[in-house]
Amino acid sequence: MTSRKTAVITGVSHANGIGAAVCRTLAEKGMNIFFTHWESEPEWGVSFQKEIIEKGVDCSHLEIDLSKSEAHEYVLNAAQADFDTPSVLVNNAAYSVNDGYMALDSQIIDQHYAVNMRATLMLSVEFARRFEKAEAKNGRIINMTSGQGQGPMIGELAYGATKGAISAFTLSLSAEVAPLGITVNAVNPGPTDTGWMTGGIKESLQPKFLMGRIGQPEDAANLVGFLASEEAGWITGQVINSEGAFLRQ
């Protein structure tokens, strides 16, 4: 047990991702870290755990398939077994495959729904229930979106629809849990270079970033770090588009 706050971050499956950057940022702010990962490289969880512990905080992890209906219980039970009731939840995990109207079918929709919607919704409400029961203070739920309200996502119908639902959920949940001292916000980091961009993609995207560079995982992590802080206690129900003046035309 420790007096430090604990942050739960989902979808931390490789070193260059937004999830990993969030873990590093929150650890540097003195929070204990509990992260989940799935289908990552062998020993990834152990090696990243060591990296976070070297920052002077405690860290544990869980390999779990968030598409399972009871995954939220396993995640929060494991986090609470290692630490106190978490004070911060970052719903970073996402599922995405290309579809489009010719390819979209029920299976693709269900696969996206299970991770992008059900897991996020259930983790959030269970986090709030446990937070209230523990009579804790200053809770933070931070969801990751992908700019679905900023423009169309051609060929990503299921992804766009399920992630777009998180924006509506963020607003409604924020009102319900405000009396508990929990803020609920969402971050849209825009196109971020987490390792998926080819040289050609970078070349086509670069001119669209009016600030002169492509987004990096640390950009999103810095904003998440602020929203998780005491200074952000008056901000709730917001979807923050942090895209470096990205042009979608």
C-alpha atoms as a PDB file:
ATOM      1  CA  MET A   1       0.000   0.000   0.000  1.00  0.00           C
ATOM      2  CA  THR A   2       1.159   3.528  -0.696  1.00  0.00           C
ATOM      3  CA  SER A   3      -0.146   7.074  -0.390  1.00  0.00           C
ATOM      4  CA  ARG A   4       0.531   7.764  -4.060  1.00  0.00           C
ATOM      5  CA  LYS A   5      -2.365   7.983  -6.459  1.00  0.00           C
ATOM      6  CA  THR A   6      -2.786   5.090  -8.865  1.00  0.00           C
ATOM      7  CA  ALA A   7      -3.513   5.428 -12.581  1.00  0.00           C
ATOM      8  CA  VAL A   8      -4.961   2.620 -14.718  1.00  0.00           C
ATOM      9  CA  ILE A   9      -4.064   2.875 -18.399  1.00  0.00           C
ATOM     10  CA  THR A  10      -5.399   0.430 -20.989  1.00  0.00           C
ATOM     11  CA  GLY A  11      -3.936  -0.483 -24.359  1.00  0.00           C
ATOM     12  CA  VAL A  12      -0.236  -0.192 -23.535  1.00  0.00           C
ATOM     13  CA  SER A  13       1.148  -2.787 -25.921  1.00  0.00           C
ATOM     14  CA  HIS A  14       4.281  -1.230 -27.418  1.00  0.00           C
ATOM     15  CA  ALA A  15       6.962   1.278 -26.504  1.00  0.00           C
ATOM     16  CA  ASN A  16       6.059   3.953 -29.072  1.00  0.00           C
ATOM     17  CA  GLY A  17       2.333   4.134 -28.413  1.00  0.00           C
ATOM     18  CA  ILE A  18       0.272   6.837 -26.756  1.00  0.00           C
ATOM     19  CA  GLY A  19      -0.465   4.468 -23.879  1.00  0.00           C
ATOM     20  CA  ALA A  20       3.220   4.001 -23.090  1.00  0.00           C
ATOM     21  CA  ALA A  21       3.796   7.763 -23.274  1.00  0.00           C
ATOM     22  CA  VAL A  22       0.898   8.330 -20.874  1.00  0.00           C
ATOM     23  CA  CYS A  23       2.355   5.821 -18.424  1.00  0.00           C
ATOM     24  CA  ARG A  24       5.719   7.590 -18.493  1.00  0.00           C
ATOM     25  CA  THR A  25       4.156  11.020 -18.033  1.00  0.00           C
ATOM     26  CA  LEU A  26       1.932  10.014 -15.120  1.00  0.00           C
ATOM     27  CA  ALA A  27       4.787   8.117 -13.458  1.00  0.00           C
ATOM     28  CA  GLU A  28       6.934  11.236 -13.701  1.00  0.00           C
ATOM     29  CA  LYS A  29       4.134  13.060 -11.893  1.00  0.00           C
ATOM     30  CA  GLY A  30       4.476  10.584  -9.043  1.00  0.00           C
ATOM     31  CA  MET A  31       1.571   8.224  -9.744  1.00  0.00           C
ATOM     32  CA  ASN A  32       1.713   4.469  -9.434  1.00  0.00           C
ATOM     33  CA  ILE A  33       0.953   2.810 -12.755  1.00  0.00           C
ATOM     34  CA  PHE A  34      -1.220  -0.180 -13.609  1.00  0.00           C
ATOM     35  CA  PHE A  35      -1.335  -0.878 -17.338  1.00  0.00           C
ATOM     36  CA  THR A  36      -2.999  -3.457 -19.541  1.00  0.00           C
ATOM     37  CA  HIS A  37      -1.704  -4.915 -22.772  1.00  0.00           C
ATOM     38  CA  TRP A  38      -2.727  -7.547 -25.309  1.00  0.00           C
ATOM     39  CA  GLU A  39      -0.909  -9.460 -28.030  1.00  0.00           C
ATOM     40  CA  SER A  40       2.275  -7.567 -27.314  1.00  0.00           C
ATOM     41  CA  GLU A  41       5.843  -8.783 -27.794  1.00  0.00           C
ATOM     42  CA  PRO A  42       7.027 -11.529 -25.405  1.00  0.00           C
ATOM     43  CA  GLU A  43       8.141 -10.112 -22.058  1.00  0.00           C
ATOM     44  CA  TRP A  44       6.884  -6.658 -23.078  1.00  0.00           C
ATOM     45  CA  GLY A  45       4.883  -6.242 -19.884  1.00  0.00           C
ATOM     46  CA  VAL A  46       7.828  -7.113 -17.651  1.00  0.00           C
ATOM     47  CA  SER A  47      10.309  -4.908 -19.478  1.00  0.00           C
ATOM     48  CA  PHE A  48       8.007  -1.884 -19.549  1.00  0.00           C
ATOM     49  CA  GLN A  49       7.131  -2.415 -15.901  1.00  0.00           C
ATOM     50  CA  LYS A  50      10.833  -2.170 -15.069  1.00  0.00           C
ATOM     51  CA  GLU A  51      11.129   1.060 -17.077  1.00  0.00           C
ATOM     52  CA  ILE A  52       8.296   2.654 -15.100  1.00  0.00           C
ATOM     53  CA  ILE A  53       9.603   1.461 -11.728  1.00  0.00           C
ATOM     54  CA  GLU A  54      12.919   3.137 -12.531  1.00  0.00           C
ATOM     55  CA  LYS A  55      11.026   6.445 -12.387  1.00  0.00           C
ATOM     56  CA  GLY A  56      10.560   5.937  -8.661  1.00  0.00           C
ATOM     57  CA  VAL A  57       6.971   4.668  -8.541  1.00  0.00           C
ATOM     58  CA  ASP A  58       5.312   1.268  -8.278  1.00  0.00           C
ATOM     59  CA  CYS A  59       3.991  -0.455 -11.372  1.00  0.00           C
ATOM     60  CA  SER A  60       2.133  -3.612 -12.279  1.00  0.00           C
ATOM     61  CA  HIS A  61       0.413  -4.865 -15.400  1.00  0.00           C
ATOM     62  CA  LEU A  62      -2.104  -7.311 -16.789  1.00  0.00           C
ATOM     63  CA  GLU A  63      -2.294  -9.014 -20.174  1.00  0.00           C
ATOM     64  CA  ILE A  64      -5.980  -9.122 -21.018  1.00  0.00           C
ATOM     65  CA  ASP A  65      -8.337  -9.219 -23.981  1.00  0.00           C
ATOM     66  CA  LEU A  66     -10.642  -6.269 -23.377  1.00  0.00           C
ATOM     67  CA  SER A  67     -13.206  -7.644 -25.826  1.00  0.00           C
ATOM     68  CA  LYS A  68     -14.327 -10.107 -23.133  1.00  0.00           C
ATOM     69  CA  SER A  69     -17.536  -9.018 -21.422  1.00  0.00           C
ATOM     70  CA  GLU A  70     -16.147  -9.169 -17.873  1.00  0.00           C
ATOM     71  CA  ALA A  71     -12.728  -7.685 -18.678  1.00  0.00           C
ATOM     72  CA  HIS A  72     -13.468  -4.496 -16.734  1.00  0.00           C
ATOM     73  CA  GLU A  73     -13.885  -6.487 -13.517  1.00  0.00           C
ATOM     74  CA  TYR A  74     -10.595  -8.315 -14.009  1.00  0.00           C
ATOM     75  CA  VAL A  75      -8.715  -5.087 -14.717  1.00  0.00           C
ATOM     76  CA  LEU A  76      -9.973  -3.143 -11.720  1.00  0.00           C
ATOM     77  CA  ASN A  77      -9.782  -6.142  -9.380  1.00  0.00           C
ATOM     78  CA  ALA A  78      -6.139  -6.643 -10.347  1.00  0.00           C
ATOM     79  CA  ALA A  79      -5.322  -2.962  -9.956  1.00  0.00           C
ATOM     80  CA  GLN A  80      -7.013  -2.773  -6.571  1.00  0.00           C
ATOM     81  CA  ALA A  81      -5.245  -5.915  -5.390  1.00  0.00           C
ATOM     82  CA  ASP A  82      -1.867  -4.299  -6.046  1.00  0.00           C
ATOM     83  CA  PHE A  83      -2.720  -0.723  -5.045  1.00  0.00           C
ATOM     84  CA  ASP A  84      -5.440   1.367  -3.439  1.00  0.00           C
ATOM     85  CA  THR A  85      -8.602   2.260  -5.332  1.00  0.00           C
ATOM     86  CA  PRO A  86      -7.412   3.928  -8.555  1.00  0.00           C
ATOM     87  CA  SER A  87      -7.829   7.695  -8.854  1.00  0.00           C
ATOM     88  CA  VAL A  88      -7.173   7.946 -12.598  1.00  0.00           C
ATOM     89  CA  LEU A  89      -8.496   5.859 -15.485  1.00  0.00           C
ATOM     90  CA  VAL A  90      -7.198   6.375 -19.021  1.00  0.00           C
ATOM     91  CA  ASN A  91      -9.221   4.442 -21.600  1.00  0.00           C
ATOM     92  CA  ASN A  92      -6.592   4.265 -24.317  1.00  0.00           C
ATOM     93  CA  ALA A  93      -7.204   0.791 -25.789  1.00  0.00           C
ATOM     94  CA  ALA A  94      -8.824   0.657 -29.226  1.00  0.00           C
ATOM     95  CA  TYR A  95      -9.673  -1.833 -31.944  1.00  0.00           C
ATOM     96  CA  SER A  96      -9.499  -0.824 -35.601  1.00  0.00           C
ATOM     97  CA  VAL A  97      -9.642  -2.534 -38.984  1.00  0.00           C
ATOM     98  CA  ASN A  98     -10.503  -0.988 -42.321  1.00  0.00           C
ATOM     99  CA  ASP A  99     -14.001  -1.650 -43.622  1.00  0.00           C
ATOM    100  CA  GLY A 100     -16.070   0.714 -45.787  1.00  0.00           C
ATOM    101  CA  TYR A 101     -19.651   0.131 -46.855  1.00  0.00           C
ATOM    102  CA  MET A 102     -18.789  -2.807 -49.125  1.00  0.00           C
ATOM    103  CA  ALA A 103     -16.912  -4.691 -46.415  1.00  0.00           C
ATOM    104  CA  LEU A 104     -18.781  -3.797 -43.221  1.00  0.00           C
ATOM    105  CA  ASP A 105     -20.604  -6.713 -41.587  1.00  0.00           C
ATOM    106  CA  SER A 106     -21.981  -7.666 -38.186  1.00  0.00           C
ATOM    107  CA  GLN A 107     -18.773  -9.323 -37.027  1.00  0.00           C
ATOM    108  CA  ILE A 108     -16.690  -6.227 -37.737  1.00  0.00           C
ATOM    109  CA  ILE A 109     -19.206  -4.055 -35.902  1.00  0.00           C
ATOM    110  CA  ASP A 110     -19.258  -6.384 -32.880  1.00  0.00           C
ATOM    111  CA  GLN A 111     -15.453  -6.528 -32.693  1.00  0.00           C
ATOM    112  CA  HIS A 112     -15.209  -2.742 -32.628  1.00  0.00           C
ATOM    113  CA  TYR A 113     -18.079  -2.384 -30.185  1.00  0.00           C
ATOM    114  CA  ALA A 114     -16.596  -4.828 -27.671  1.00  0.00           C
ATOM    115  CA  VAL A 115     -13.356  -2.884 -27.169  1.00  0.00           C
ATOM    116  CA  ASN A 116     -14.081   0.673 -28.205  1.00  0.00           C
ATOM    117  CA  MET A 117     -17.482   0.996 -26.527  1.00  0.00           C
ATOM    118  CA  ARG A 118     -18.324  -1.756 -24.064  1.00  0.00           C
ATOM    119  CA  ALA A 119     -14.914  -1.974 -22.419  1.00  0.00           C
ATOM    120  CA  THR A 120     -14.610   1.809 -22.140  1.00  0.00           C
ATOM    121  CA  LEU A 121     -18.138   2.251 -20.788  1.00  0.00           C
ATOM    122  CA  MET A 122     -17.895  -0.569 -18.264  1.00  0.00           C
ATOM    123  CA  LEU A 123     -14.419   0.360 -17.046  1.00  0.00           C
ATOM    124  CA  SER A 124     -15.605   3.928 -16.541  1.00  0.00           C
ATOM    125  CA  VAL A 125     -18.753   3.168 -14.586  1.00  0.00           C
ATOM    126  CA  GLU A 126     -17.087   0.480 -12.467  1.00  0.00           C
ATOM    127  CA  PHE A 127     -14.228   2.886 -11.731  1.00  0.00           C
ATOM    128  CA  ALA A 128     -16.796   5.454 -10.533  1.00  0.00           C
ATOM    129  CA  ARG A 129     -18.648   2.929  -8.366  1.00  0.00           C
ATOM    130  CA  ARG A 130     -15.477   1.843  -6.608  1.00  0.00           C
ATOM    131  CA  PHE A 131     -14.294   5.422  -6.278  1.00  0.00           C
ATOM    132  CA  GLU A 132     -17.556   6.403  -4.577  1.00  0.00           C
ATOM    133  CA  LYS A 133     -17.465   3.389  -2.265  1.00  0.00           C
ATOM    134  CA  ALA A 134     -13.904   4.229  -1.216  1.00  0.00           C
ATOM    135  CA  GLU A 135     -14.987   7.828  -0.512  1.00  0.00           C
ATOM    136  CA  ALA A 136     -11.985   8.976  -2.513  1.00  0.00           C
ATOM    137  CA  LYS A 137     -11.482  12.490  -3.875  1.00  0.00           C
ATOM    138  CA  ASN A 138     -10.482  14.073  -7.183  1.00  0.00           C
ATOM    139  CA  GLY A 139     -11.019  11.213  -9.606  1.00  0.00           C
ATOM    140  CA  ARG A 140     -10.193  11.443 -13.292  1.00  0.00           C
ATOM    141  CA  ILE A 141     -11.558   9.511 -16.274  1.00  0.00           C
ATOM    142  CA  ILE A 142      -9.851  10.322 -19.566  1.00  0.00           C
ATOM    143  CA  ASN A 143     -11.035   8.751 -22.808  1.00  0.00           C
ATOM    144  CA  MET A 144      -9.227   8.728 -26.138  1.00  0.00           C
ATOM    145  CA  THR A 145     -11.124   9.600 -29.295  1.00  0.00           C
ATOM    146  CA  SER A 146      -9.972  10.094 -32.880  1.00  0.00           C
ATOM    147  CA  GLY A 147     -11.598  13.263 -34.148  1.00  0.00           C
ATOM    148  CA  GLN A 148     -14.804  11.683 -35.402  1.00  0.00           C
ATOM    149  CA  GLY A 149     -16.568  15.023 -35.015  1.00  0.00           C
ATOM    150  CA  GLN A 150     -13.923  16.831 -37.073  1.00  0.00           C
ATOM    151  CA  GLY A 151     -14.518  15.136 -40.405  1.00  0.00           C
ATOM    152  CA  PRO A 152     -15.356  11.836 -42.149  1.00  0.00           C
ATOM    153  CA  MET A 153     -13.245   8.705 -41.715  1.00  0.00           C
ATOM    154  CA  ILE A 154     -13.657   6.954 -45.066  1.00  0.00           C
ATOM    155  CA  GLY A 155     -13.133   3.215 -44.875  1.00  0.00           C
ATOM    156  CA  GLU A 156     -13.407   3.173 -41.070  1.00  0.00           C
ATOM    157  CA  LEU A 157     -17.149   3.123 -40.493  1.00  0.00           C
ATOM    158  CA  ALA A 158     -17.200   0.812 -37.466  1.00  0.00           C
ATOM    159  CA  TYR A 159     -14.216   2.502 -35.863  1.00  0.00           C
ATOM    160  CA  GLY A 160     -15.576   5.995 -36.436  1.00  0.00           C
ATOM    161  CA  ALA A 161     -19.024   5.099 -35.110  1.00  0.00           C
ATOM    162  CA  THR A 162     -17.827   3.324 -31.966  1.00  0.00           C
ATOM    163  CA  LYS A 163     -15.194   5.894 -31.073  1.00  0.00           C
ATOM    164  CA  GLY A 164     -17.636   8.701 -31.843  1.00  0.00           C
ATOM    165  CA  ALA A 165     -19.995   7.238 -29.248  1.00  0.00           C
ATOM    166  CA  ILE A 166     -17.334   7.853 -26.612  1.00  0.00           C
ATOM    167  CA  SER A 167     -17.695  11.599 -27.070  1.00  0.00           C
ATOM    168  CA  ALA A 168     -21.416  11.418 -26.232  1.00  0.00           C
ATOM    169  CA  PHE A 169     -20.712   9.082 -23.317  1.00  0.00           C
ATOM    170  CA  THR A 170     -18.040  11.432 -21.957  1.00  0.00           C
ATOM    171  CA  LEU A 171     -20.488  14.340 -21.760  1.00  0.00           C
ATOM    172  CA  SER A 172     -23.301  12.390 -20.099  1.00  0.00           C
ATOM    173  CA  LEU A 173     -21.115  10.510 -17.619  1.00  0.00           C
ATOM    174  CA  SER A 174     -19.365  13.723 -16.607  1.00  0.00           C
ATOM    175  CA  ALA A 175     -22.679  15.127 -15.362  1.00  0.00           C
ATOM    176  CA  GLU A 176     -23.566  11.974 -13.432  1.00  0.00           C
ATOM    177  CA  VAL A 177     -20.285  11.651 -11.558  1.00  0.00           C
ATOM    178  CA  ALA A 178     -19.516  15.329 -10.993  1.00  0.00           C
ATOM    179  CA  PRO A 179     -21.026  15.176  -7.468  1.00  0.00           C
ATOM    180  CA  LEU A 180     -18.514  12.411  -6.671  1.00  0.00           C
ATOM    181  CA  GLY A 181     -15.581  14.675  -7.505  1.00  0.00           C
ATOM    182  CA  ILE A 182     -14.763  12.799 -10.713  1.00  0.00           C
ATOM    183  CA  THR A 183     -14.028  14.640 -13.941  1.00  0.00           C
ATOM    184  CA  VAL A 184     -14.590  12.951 -17.300  1.00  0.00           C
ATOM    185  CA  ASN A 185     -12.917  14.248 -20.432  1.00  0.00           C
ATOM    186  CA  ALA A 186     -11.807  12.974 -23.821  1.00  0.00           C
ATOM    187  CA  VAL A 187      -8.714  13.690 -25.899  1.00  0.00           C
ATOM    188  CA  ASN A 188      -8.479  13.628 -29.670  1.00  0.00           C
ATOM    189  CA  PRO A 189      -4.733  13.648 -30.460  1.00  0.00           C
ATOM    190  CA  GLY A 190      -5.137  13.749 -34.236  1.00  0.00           C
ATOM    191  CA  PRO A 191      -2.837  11.672 -36.473  1.00  0.00           C
ATOM    192  CA  THR A 192       0.016  10.561 -34.232  1.00  0.00           C
ATOM    193  CA  ASP A 193       3.257   8.885 -35.222  1.00  0.00           C
ATOM    194  CA  THR A 194       3.182   5.792 -33.044  1.00  0.00           C
ATOM    195  CA  GLY A 195       4.939   3.562 -35.566  1.00  0.00           C
ATOM    196  CA  TRP A 196       2.109   2.871 -38.003  1.00  0.00           C
ATOM    197  CA  MET A 197       2.977   5.635 -40.450  1.00  0.00           C
ATOM    198  CA  THR A 198       4.904   4.708 -43.577  1.00  0.00           C
ATOM    199  CA  GLY A 199       7.210   7.186 -45.260  1.00  0.00           C
ATOM    200  CA  GLY A 200       4.523   7.918 -47.802  1.00  0.00           C
ATOM    201  CA  ILE A 201       1.892   8.595 -45.156  1.00  0.00           C
ATOM    202  CA  LYS A 202       4.226  10.960 -43.322  1.00  0.00           C
ATOM    203  CA  GLU A 203       4.996  12.790 -46.534  1.00  0.00           C
ATOM    204  CA  SER A 204       1.298  13.298 -47.302  1.00  0.00           C
ATOM    205  CA  LEU A 205       0.353  14.319 -43.752  1.00  0.00           C
ATOM    206  CA  GLN A 206       3.251  16.646 -42.985  1.00  0.00           C
ATOM    207  CA  PRO A 207       1.919  19.668 -44.976  1.00  0.00           C
ATOM    208  CA  LYS A 208      -1.440  19.394 -43.216  1.00  0.00           C
ATOM    209  CA  PHE A 209       0.091  20.121 -39.810  1.00  0.00           C
ATOM    210  CA  LEU A 210       0.284  23.898 -39.791  1.00  0.00           C
ATOM    211  CA  MET A 211       2.553  23.804 -36.733  1.00  0.00           C
ATOM    212  CA  GLY A 212       5.210  22.157 -38.882  1.00  0.00           C
ATOM    213  CA  ARG A 213       5.428  18.606 -37.584  1.00  0.00           C
ATOM    214  CA  ILE A 214       3.429  15.413 -37.157  1.00  0.00           C
ATOM    215  CA  GLY A 215       1.933  14.673 -33.746  1.00  0.00           C
ATOM    216  CA  GLN A 216       3.983  12.598 -31.320  1.00  0.00           C
ATOM    217  CA  PRO A 217       2.758  10.316 -28.500  1.00  0.00           C
ATOM    218  CA  GLU A 218       4.177  12.739 -25.948  1.00  0.00           C
ATOM    219  CA  ASP A 219       1.850  15.469 -27.221  1.00  0.00           C
ATOM    220  CA  ALA A 220      -1.189  13.431 -26.219  1.00  0.00           C
ATOM    221  CA  ALA A 221       0.463  12.269 -23.003  1.00  0.00           C
ATOM    222  CA  ASN A 222       1.171  15.823 -21.895  1.00  0.00           C
ATOM    223  CA  LEU A 223      -2.488  16.738 -22.269  1.00  0.00           C
ATOM    224  CA  VAL A 224      -3.592  13.599 -20.436  1.00  0.00           C
ATOM    225  CA  GLY A 225      -1.111  14.446 -17.694  1.00  0.00           C
ATOM    226  CA  PHE A 226      -2.686  17.873 -17.294  1.00  0.00           C
ATOM    227  CA  LEU A 227      -6.238  16.501 -17.248  1.00  0.00           C
ATOM    228  CA  ALA A 228      -5.170  14.034 -14.564  1.00  0.00           C
ATOM    229  CA  SER A 229      -3.726  16.792 -12.390  1.00  0.00           C
ATOM    230  CA  GLU A 230      -5.264  18.796  -9.569  1.00  0.00           C
ATOM    231  CA  GLU A 231      -5.059  21.906 -11.751  1.00  0.00           C
ATOM    232  CA  ALA A 232      -7.615  20.432 -14.158  1.00  0.00           C
ATOM    233  CA  GLY A 233     -10.236  19.842 -11.485  1.00  0.00           C
ATOM    234  CA  TRP A 234     -12.678  22.374 -12.987  1.00  0.00           C
ATOM    235  CA  ILE A 235     -12.591  20.849 -16.491  1.00  0.00           C
ATOM    236  CA  THR A 236     -15.128  18.120 -17.226  1.00  0.00           C
ATOM    237  CA  GLY A 237     -17.374  16.905 -20.023  1.00  0.00           C
ATOM    238  CA  GLN A 238     -14.986  18.147 -22.698  1.00  0.00           C
ATOM    239  CA  VAL A 239     -13.650  16.586 -25.893  1.00  0.00           C
ATOM    240  CA  ILE A 240     -10.343  18.344 -26.503  1.00  0.00           C
ATOM    241  CA  ASN A 241      -9.054  18.324 -30.072  1.00  0.00           C
ATOM    242  CA  SER A 242      -5.284  18.595 -29.693  1.00  0.00           C
ATOM    243  CA  GLU A 243      -4.143  18.260 -33.287  1.00  0.00           C
ATOM    244  CA  GLY A 244      -1.471  20.880 -33.958  1.00  0.00           C
ATOM    245  CA  ALA A 245      -3.715  22.835 -36.367  1.00  0.00           C
ATOM    246  CA  PHE A 246      -4.226  19.748 -38.539  1.00  0.00           C
ATOM    247  CA  LEU A 247      -6.107  20.479 -41.771  1.00  0.00           C
ATOM    248  CA  ARG A 248      -8.603  17.779 -42.739  1.00  0.00           C
ATOM    249  CA  GLN A 249      -9.486  19.139 -46.196  1.00  0.00           C
END
